[in-house]
Amino acid sequence: MMKKLISGIGAFWRNEKGMGTLEVILIVAVVIIIALLFKDWIVALVEDLLGKADKKADTIFE
């Protein structure tokens, strides 16, 4: 019984068939949902970072 379990785990670990279409679609869907949930926070963060970069660039090139 234990040998079958270990053999099954080993076969699963060595499986190199790659990801299927369904897995890729699910991953993309989860990433899109997370991005939509945190959209306002992400936009505010990017605007803050770009604002800081713009101020630093202004001080460097003056």
N, C-alpha and C. Protein backbone atom coordinates (compact mmCIF):
# COMPACT_ATOMS: atom_id res chain seq x y z
N MET A 1 0.83 -1.20 0.00
CA MET A 1 0.00 0.00 0.00
C MET A 1 0.87 1.25 0.00
N MET A 2 1.87 1.29 0.88
CA MET A 2 2.74 2.46 0.98
C MET A 2 3.58 2.61 -0.28
N LYS A 3 4.00 1.48 -0.87
CA LYS A 3 4.79 1.53 -2.10
C LYS A 3 3.98 2.12 -3.25
N LYS A 4 2.68 1.78 -3.30
CA LYS A 4 1.82 2.34 -4.34
C LYS A 4 1.68 3.85 -4.19
N LEU A 5 1.53 4.29 -2.95
CA LEU A 5 1.39 5.72 -2.69
C LEU A 5 2.65 6.47 -3.08
N ILE A 6 3.79 5.94 -2.68
CA ILE A 6 5.08 6.58 -3.01
C ILE A 6 5.30 6.56 -4.52
N SER A 7 4.94 5.46 -5.16
CA SER A 7 5.09 5.37 -6.62
C SER A 7 4.19 6.38 -7.32
N GLY A 8 2.96 6.54 -6.83
CA GLY A 8 2.03 7.51 -7.42
C GLY A 8 2.51 8.93 -7.25
N ILE A 9 3.04 9.25 -6.07
CA ILE A 9 3.58 10.60 -5.82
C ILE A 9 4.78 10.85 -6.71
N GLY A 10 5.65 9.85 -6.86
CA GLY A 10 6.82 10.00 -7.73
C GLY A 10 6.43 10.21 -9.18
N ALA A 11 5.41 9.49 -9.64
CA ALA A 11 4.95 9.66 -11.03
C ALA A 11 4.35 11.05 -11.23
N PHE A 12 3.60 11.51 -10.24
CA PHE A 12 3.03 12.85 -10.34
C PHE A 12 4.14 13.89 -10.37
N TRP A 13 5.17 13.72 -9.57
CA TRP A 13 6.27 14.68 -9.50
C TRP A 13 7.04 14.74 -10.81
N ARG A 14 7.18 13.60 -11.49
CA ARG A 14 7.95 13.55 -12.73
C ARG A 14 7.13 13.92 -13.96
N ASN A 15 5.85 14.14 -13.80
CA ASN A 15 4.98 14.47 -14.92
C ASN A 15 5.40 15.81 -15.52
N GLU A 16 5.78 15.80 -16.79
CA GLU A 16 6.26 17.02 -17.44
C GLU A 16 5.42 17.36 -18.67
N LYS A 17 4.15 17.09 -18.62
CA LYS A 17 3.29 17.35 -19.77
C LYS A 17 3.00 18.83 -19.96
N GLY A 18 3.17 19.62 -18.94
CA GLY A 18 2.91 21.05 -19.07
C GLY A 18 1.48 21.39 -18.67
N MET A 19 1.19 22.67 -18.74
CA MET A 19 -0.14 23.12 -18.34
C MET A 19 -1.09 23.06 -19.52
N GLY A 20 -2.33 22.77 -19.22
CA GLY A 20 -3.35 22.74 -20.24
C GLY A 20 -4.01 24.11 -20.39
N THR A 21 -4.87 24.20 -21.36
CA THR A 21 -5.54 25.45 -21.64
C THR A 21 -6.41 25.90 -20.47
N LEU A 22 -7.09 24.96 -19.84
CA LEU A 22 -7.96 25.30 -18.72
C LEU A 22 -7.18 25.93 -17.57
N GLU A 23 -6.04 25.38 -17.26
CA GLU A 23 -5.22 25.94 -16.17
C GLU A 23 -4.77 27.35 -16.49
N VAL A 24 -4.36 27.60 -17.73
CA VAL A 24 -3.92 28.93 -18.12
C VAL A 24 -5.08 29.91 -18.04
N ILE A 25 -6.26 29.51 -18.50
CA ILE A 25 -7.43 30.37 -18.44
C ILE A 25 -7.80 30.70 -17.00
N LEU A 26 -7.74 29.71 -16.12
CA LEU A 26 -8.05 29.94 -14.71
C LEU A 26 -7.05 30.89 -14.06
N ILE A 27 -5.78 30.75 -14.36
CA ILE A 27 -4.77 31.64 -13.80
C ILE A 27 -4.99 33.07 -14.29
N VAL A 28 -5.26 33.23 -15.58
CA VAL A 28 -5.51 34.56 -16.13
C VAL A 28 -6.75 35.17 -15.49
N ALA A 29 -7.80 34.37 -15.31
CA ALA A 29 -9.03 34.87 -14.70
C ALA A 29 -8.79 35.34 -13.27
N VAL A 30 -8.01 34.58 -12.51
CA VAL A 30 -7.72 34.97 -11.12
C VAL A 30 -6.92 36.27 -11.09
N VAL A 31 -5.95 36.40 -11.97
CA VAL A 31 -5.13 37.62 -12.01
C VAL A 31 -6.01 38.83 -12.38
N ILE A 32 -6.91 38.65 -13.33
CA ILE A 32 -7.79 39.76 -13.72
C ILE A 32 -8.72 40.14 -12.57
N ILE A 33 -9.27 39.15 -11.87
CA ILE A 33 -10.16 39.44 -10.74
C ILE A 33 -9.41 40.19 -9.64
N ILE A 34 -8.20 39.76 -9.34
CA ILE A 34 -7.40 40.44 -8.31
C ILE A 34 -7.09 41.87 -8.75
N ALA A 35 -6.74 42.05 -10.02
CA ALA A 35 -6.45 43.40 -10.52
C ALA A 35 -7.68 44.29 -10.43
N LEU A 36 -8.85 43.76 -10.72
CA LEU A 36 -10.07 44.55 -10.63
C LEU A 36 -10.41 44.91 -9.18
N LEU A 37 -10.17 43.97 -8.28
CA LEU A 37 -10.46 44.23 -6.86
C LEU A 37 -9.56 45.32 -6.29
N PHE A 38 -8.31 45.33 -6.72
CA PHE A 38 -7.34 46.29 -6.17
C PHE A 38 -7.02 47.40 -7.15
N LYS A 39 -7.89 47.65 -8.12
CA LYS A 39 -7.64 48.62 -9.18
C LYS A 39 -7.34 50.02 -8.63
N ASP A 40 -8.17 50.50 -7.73
CA ASP A 40 -7.98 51.85 -7.19
C ASP A 40 -6.65 51.97 -6.45
N TRP A 41 -6.32 50.94 -5.68
CA TRP A 41 -5.06 50.94 -4.93
C TRP A 41 -3.86 50.91 -5.88
N ILE A 42 -3.96 50.10 -6.93
CA ILE A 42 -2.86 49.99 -7.90
C ILE A 42 -2.67 51.30 -8.64
N VAL A 43 -3.77 51.92 -9.06
CA VAL A 43 -3.68 53.19 -9.79
C VAL A 43 -3.06 54.27 -8.90
N ALA A 44 -3.50 54.34 -7.64
CA ALA A 44 -2.94 55.33 -6.72
C ALA A 44 -1.45 55.09 -6.48
N LEU A 45 -1.05 53.85 -6.35
CA LEU A 45 0.36 53.52 -6.14
C LEU A 45 1.21 53.92 -7.34
N VAL A 46 0.74 53.61 -8.54
CA VAL A 46 1.49 53.94 -9.75
C VAL A 46 1.58 55.46 -9.93
N GLU A 47 0.48 56.16 -9.68
CA GLU A 47 0.51 57.62 -9.80
C GLU A 47 1.48 58.23 -8.79
N ASP A 48 1.50 57.70 -7.57
CA ASP A 48 2.42 58.19 -6.55
C ASP A 48 3.88 57.94 -6.96
N LEU A 49 4.15 56.75 -7.46
CA LEU A 49 5.52 56.43 -7.88
C LEU A 49 5.96 57.28 -9.06
N LEU A 50 5.07 57.47 -10.02
CA LEU A 50 5.42 58.29 -11.18
C LEU A 50 5.59 59.75 -10.78
N GLY A 51 4.79 60.22 -9.82
CA GLY A 51 4.94 61.59 -9.34
C GLY A 51 6.28 61.79 -8.67
N LYS A 52 6.70 60.81 -7.86
CA LYS A 52 8.01 60.90 -7.20
C LYS A 52 9.13 60.87 -8.23
N ALA A 53 8.99 60.01 -9.24
CA ALA A 53 10.02 59.92 -10.28
C ALA A 53 10.10 61.22 -11.07
N ASP A 54 8.95 61.85 -11.32
CA ASP A 54 8.93 63.11 -12.06
C ASP A 54 9.61 64.21 -11.26
N LYS A 55 9.36 64.26 -9.95
CA LYS A 55 10.00 65.27 -9.10
C LYS A 55 11.52 65.07 -9.05
N LYS A 56 11.95 63.80 -8.95
CA LYS A 56 13.39 63.51 -8.94
C LYS A 56 14.02 63.89 -10.28
N ALA A 57 13.34 63.61 -11.37
CA ALA A 57 13.87 63.95 -12.69
C ALA A 57 13.98 65.45 -12.84
N ASP A 58 13.00 66.19 -12.34
CA ASP A 58 13.05 67.65 -12.41
C ASP A 58 14.24 68.20 -11.63
N THR A 59 14.52 67.65 -10.46
CA THR A 59 15.65 68.13 -9.67
C THR A 59 16.99 67.77 -10.30
N ILE A 60 17.04 66.64 -10.98
CA ILE A 60 18.29 66.21 -11.61
C ILE A 60 18.59 67.07 -12.83
N PHE A 61 17.59 67.36 -13.64
CA PHE A 61 17.82 68.06 -14.91
C PHE A 61 17.75 69.58 -14.79
N GLU A 62 17.55 70.12 -13.61
CA GLU A 62 17.54 71.58 -13.46
C GLU A 62 18.94 72.12 -13.31
